[in-house]
Protein backbone atom coordinates (compact mmCIF):
# COMPACT_ATOMS: atom_id res chain seq x y z
CA MET A 1 -34.70 35.71 -11.95
CA THR A 2 -31.41 37.37 -12.35
CA GLU A 3 -28.30 35.60 -11.87
CA LEU A 4 -27.48 37.30 -8.49
CA GLU A 5 -30.96 35.87 -7.21
CA LYS A 6 -29.95 32.44 -8.18
CA ILE A 7 -26.56 32.68 -6.56
CA ASP A 8 -28.44 33.76 -3.24
CA ILE A 9 -30.71 30.90 -3.42
CA LEU A 10 -27.68 28.53 -3.75
CA ARG A 11 -25.88 30.27 -1.14
CA GLU A 12 -28.90 30.13 1.36
CA ARG A 13 -29.98 26.58 0.64
CA ALA A 14 -26.57 24.83 0.27
CA GLY A 15 -24.15 27.16 2.42
CA VAL A 16 -21.90 27.57 -0.50
CA SER A 17 -19.55 30.76 -1.19
CA TYR A 18 -20.52 33.26 -3.83
CA ARG A 19 -17.68 31.81 -6.14
CA ARG A 20 -18.76 28.32 -5.80
CA ALA A 21 -22.43 29.11 -6.17
CA LYS A 22 -21.53 31.04 -9.58
CA GLU A 23 -19.22 28.09 -10.73
CA LEU A 24 -22.13 25.54 -10.23
CA LEU A 25 -24.65 27.82 -12.28
CA ASP A 26 -22.24 28.06 -15.10
CA GLN A 27 -21.63 24.53 -15.13
CA CYS A 28 -25.33 23.77 -15.07
CA GLY A 29 -26.40 26.56 -17.63
CA GLY A 30 -28.10 28.67 -14.86
CA ASP A 31 -30.20 25.86 -13.89
CA VAL A 32 -30.59 26.28 -10.01
CA VAL A 33 -32.32 22.96 -9.37
CA GLU A 34 -29.44 21.12 -11.32
CA ALA A 35 -26.95 23.08 -9.28
CA LEU A 36 -28.48 21.97 -6.06
CA ILE A 37 -28.48 18.39 -7.38
CA ARG A 38 -24.77 18.43 -8.21
CA LEU A 39 -24.04 19.79 -4.50
CA GLU A 40 -26.15 17.14 -2.86
CA GLU A 41 -24.05 14.56 -5.00
CA GLU A 42 -21.07 16.04 -3.98
CA SER A 43 -21.82 15.97 -0.24
CA ARG A 44 -22.73 12.41 -0.47
CA ARG A 45 -19.44 11.33 -1.84
CA ASN A 46 -17.60 13.43 0.73
CA THR A 47 -19.15 11.71 3.73
CA TRP A 48 -18.93 8.26 5.37
CA GLN A 49 -20.70 6.68 8.29
CA GLU A 50 -19.74 4.67 11.21
CA ARG A 51 -21.74 2.92 14.09
CA ILE A 52 -20.72 2.61 17.50
CA GLN A 53 -22.68 0.34 20.21
CA VAL A 54 -23.09 1.73 23.68
CA GLN A 55 -24.52 1.08 26.88
CA GLY A 56 -27.19 3.80 27.99
CA ALA A 57 -25.09 5.01 30.61
CA GLU A 58 -22.05 5.76 28.32
CA LEU A 59 -24.32 7.48 25.79
CA VAL A 60 -23.97 11.19 26.67
CA ASP A 61 -20.25 11.27 27.22
CA ARG A 62 -19.82 9.47 23.62
CA VAL A 63 -21.99 11.89 22.10
CA ARG A 64 -20.05 14.73 23.77
CA GLN A 65 -16.82 13.47 22.45
CA LEU A 66 -18.24 12.91 18.80
CA ILE A 67 -19.54 16.69 18.93
CA ASN A 68 -15.96 17.61 19.72
CA GLU A 69 -14.22 15.94 16.94
CA GLY A 70 -14.74 18.29 14.45
CA ASN A 71 -15.59 16.25 11.37
CA VAL A 72 -18.77 14.93 12.52
CA ARG A 73 -21.85 16.33 10.38
CA ARG A 74 -24.81 14.33 12.14
CA ILE A 75 -25.52 11.97 14.84
CA VAL A 76 -28.33 9.55 14.85
CA ILE A 77 -29.29 7.66 18.04
CA ARG A 78 -31.30 4.30 17.45
CA ASN A 79 -32.50 1.96 20.06
CA GLN A 80 -31.83 -1.64 19.93
CA ASP A 81 -34.67 -2.46 17.53
CA GLY A 82 -32.90 -0.11 15.07
CA GLN A 83 -35.51 2.70 15.65
CA THR A 84 -34.21 6.23 15.25
CA LEU A 85 -34.99 8.13 18.59
CA VAL A 86 -33.21 11.28 17.64
CA GLU A 87 -31.04 12.85 14.75
CA LEU A 88 -28.57 15.70 15.87
CA PRO A 89 -27.17 18.19 13.19
CA VAL A 90 -23.80 18.62 14.78
CA THR A 91 -23.01 21.71 12.97
CA VAL A 92 -25.99 23.40 14.70
CA GLY A 93 -24.98 21.56 17.81
CA ALA A 94 -21.43 22.65 18.07
CA LEU A 95 -22.73 26.22 18.71
CA GLY A 96 -22.04 26.43 22.42
CA ALA A 97 -25.71 27.62 23.41
CA LEU A 98 -27.33 25.00 21.53
CA LEU A 99 -25.18 22.06 22.84
CA ALA A 100 -26.70 21.82 26.45
CA PRO A 101 -30.26 21.22 25.26
CA MET A 102 -28.98 18.66 22.67
CA LEU A 103 -27.32 16.76 25.43
CA ALA A 104 -30.03 16.77 27.90
CA VAL A 105 -32.31 15.07 25.01
CA VAL A 106 -29.54 12.51 24.79
CA GLY A 107 -29.45 12.14 28.48
CA VAL A 108 -33.16 11.37 28.86
CA ILE A 109 -32.65 8.83 25.99
CA ALA A 110 -29.72 7.44 27.91
CA ALA A 111 -32.01 6.91 30.94
CA LEU A 112 -34.69 4.90 28.68
CA VAL A 113 -32.34 2.52 26.92
CA THR A 114 -30.23 -0.22 27.86
CA ARG A 115 -28.14 -0.16 24.40
CA ALA A 116 -28.09 2.21 21.72
CA THR A 117 -26.31 2.48 18.35
CA ILE A 118 -24.87 5.91 17.38
CA VAL A 119 -24.78 6.20 13.73
CA VAL A 120 -22.15 9.05 13.08
CA GLU A 121 -22.08 10.82 9.82
CA ARG A 122 -18.73 12.18 9.04
CA ARG A 123 -17.12 14.46 6.43
CA ASN A 124 -14.09 13.12 4.46
CA ASP A 125 -11.58 15.73 5.31
CA GLY A 126 -9.05 14.01 3.00
CA GLY A 127 -7.06 12.23 5.61
CA ALA A 128 -7.20 8.46 6.40
CA ARG A 129 -10.71 7.56 7.25
CA GLY A 130 -11.54 5.08 9.78
CA GLY A 131 -13.22 4.64 13.13
CA THR A 132 -12.31 5.86 16.60
CA GLY A 133 -11.18 2.49 17.80
CA THR A 134 -14.40 1.81 19.73
CA GLY A 135 -17.90 0.34 18.71
CA ASP A 136 -18.98 -0.92 15.52
CA ALA A 137 -17.71 1.07 12.47
CA GLY A 138 -19.71 0.67 9.45
CA GLY A 139 -20.00 2.25 6.04
CA LYS A 140 -23.23 0.54 4.77
CA ASP A 141 -26.73 2.19 6.18
CA ASP A 142 -29.44 -0.22 6.70
CA ALA A 143 -32.93 0.21 5.58
CA SER A 144 -34.37 0.93 8.87
CA GLY A 145 -33.71 4.61 8.77
CA GLY A 146 -31.96 5.85 5.79
CA TRP A 147 -31.91 9.43 6.57
CA GLY A 148 -30.30 11.02 3.42
CA ALA A 149 -26.58 9.91 4.05
CA THR A 150 -24.28 8.15 1.68
CA GLY A 151 -25.05 4.82 2.89
CA ASP A 152 -21.53 3.80 1.26
CA ALA A 153 -18.09 4.46 2.54
CA GLY A 154 -16.57 4.57 -0.62
CA PRO A 155 -13.49 2.73 -1.70
CA GLY A 156 -11.16 1.99 1.15
CA GLY A 157 -13.81 3.18 3.73
CA PRO A 158 -14.61 0.99 6.88
CA GLN A 159 -16.78 -2.02 6.29
CA ASP A 160 -19.65 -2.86 8.59
CA THR A 161 -18.72 -5.99 10.23
CA GLY A 162 -20.57 -5.58 13.70
CA PRO A 163 -23.87 -7.18 14.67
CA ARG A 164 -27.30 -5.44 13.93
CA HIS A 165 -29.60 -4.96 16.68
């Protein structure tokens, strides 16, 4: 496999630039899998989570607000028993045409639950981390639905102090 093919694989799978893909391949001795593992580890270090408790009627408005915030990567909605009801990759959802169907799904969920927990995975944009001032901010993921996020807010990140439902 040529170096350009390896770079194309990294760009396709990880969404990195040509320059970043080449740097990673050089650092990993041309090993594509090792480069992907490094990218995955970097991504985990650059994200954190918060949990927000909402009533069913507030769910759609809160999700819409989160989507518009910009540094949100993924939103997971869980019922009061901690079961994951839906996972929304916000990078895709932020594209206008896909936003309406996603919010329709959230609306159906809102009609079916009285309370929900929104787990928000955010990118660390280099600024101060912290919640939005509402709900149950937390940096630790519980075992009921580990979906590949960091699970650890890192040093100085928000601590999970709210109740688990």
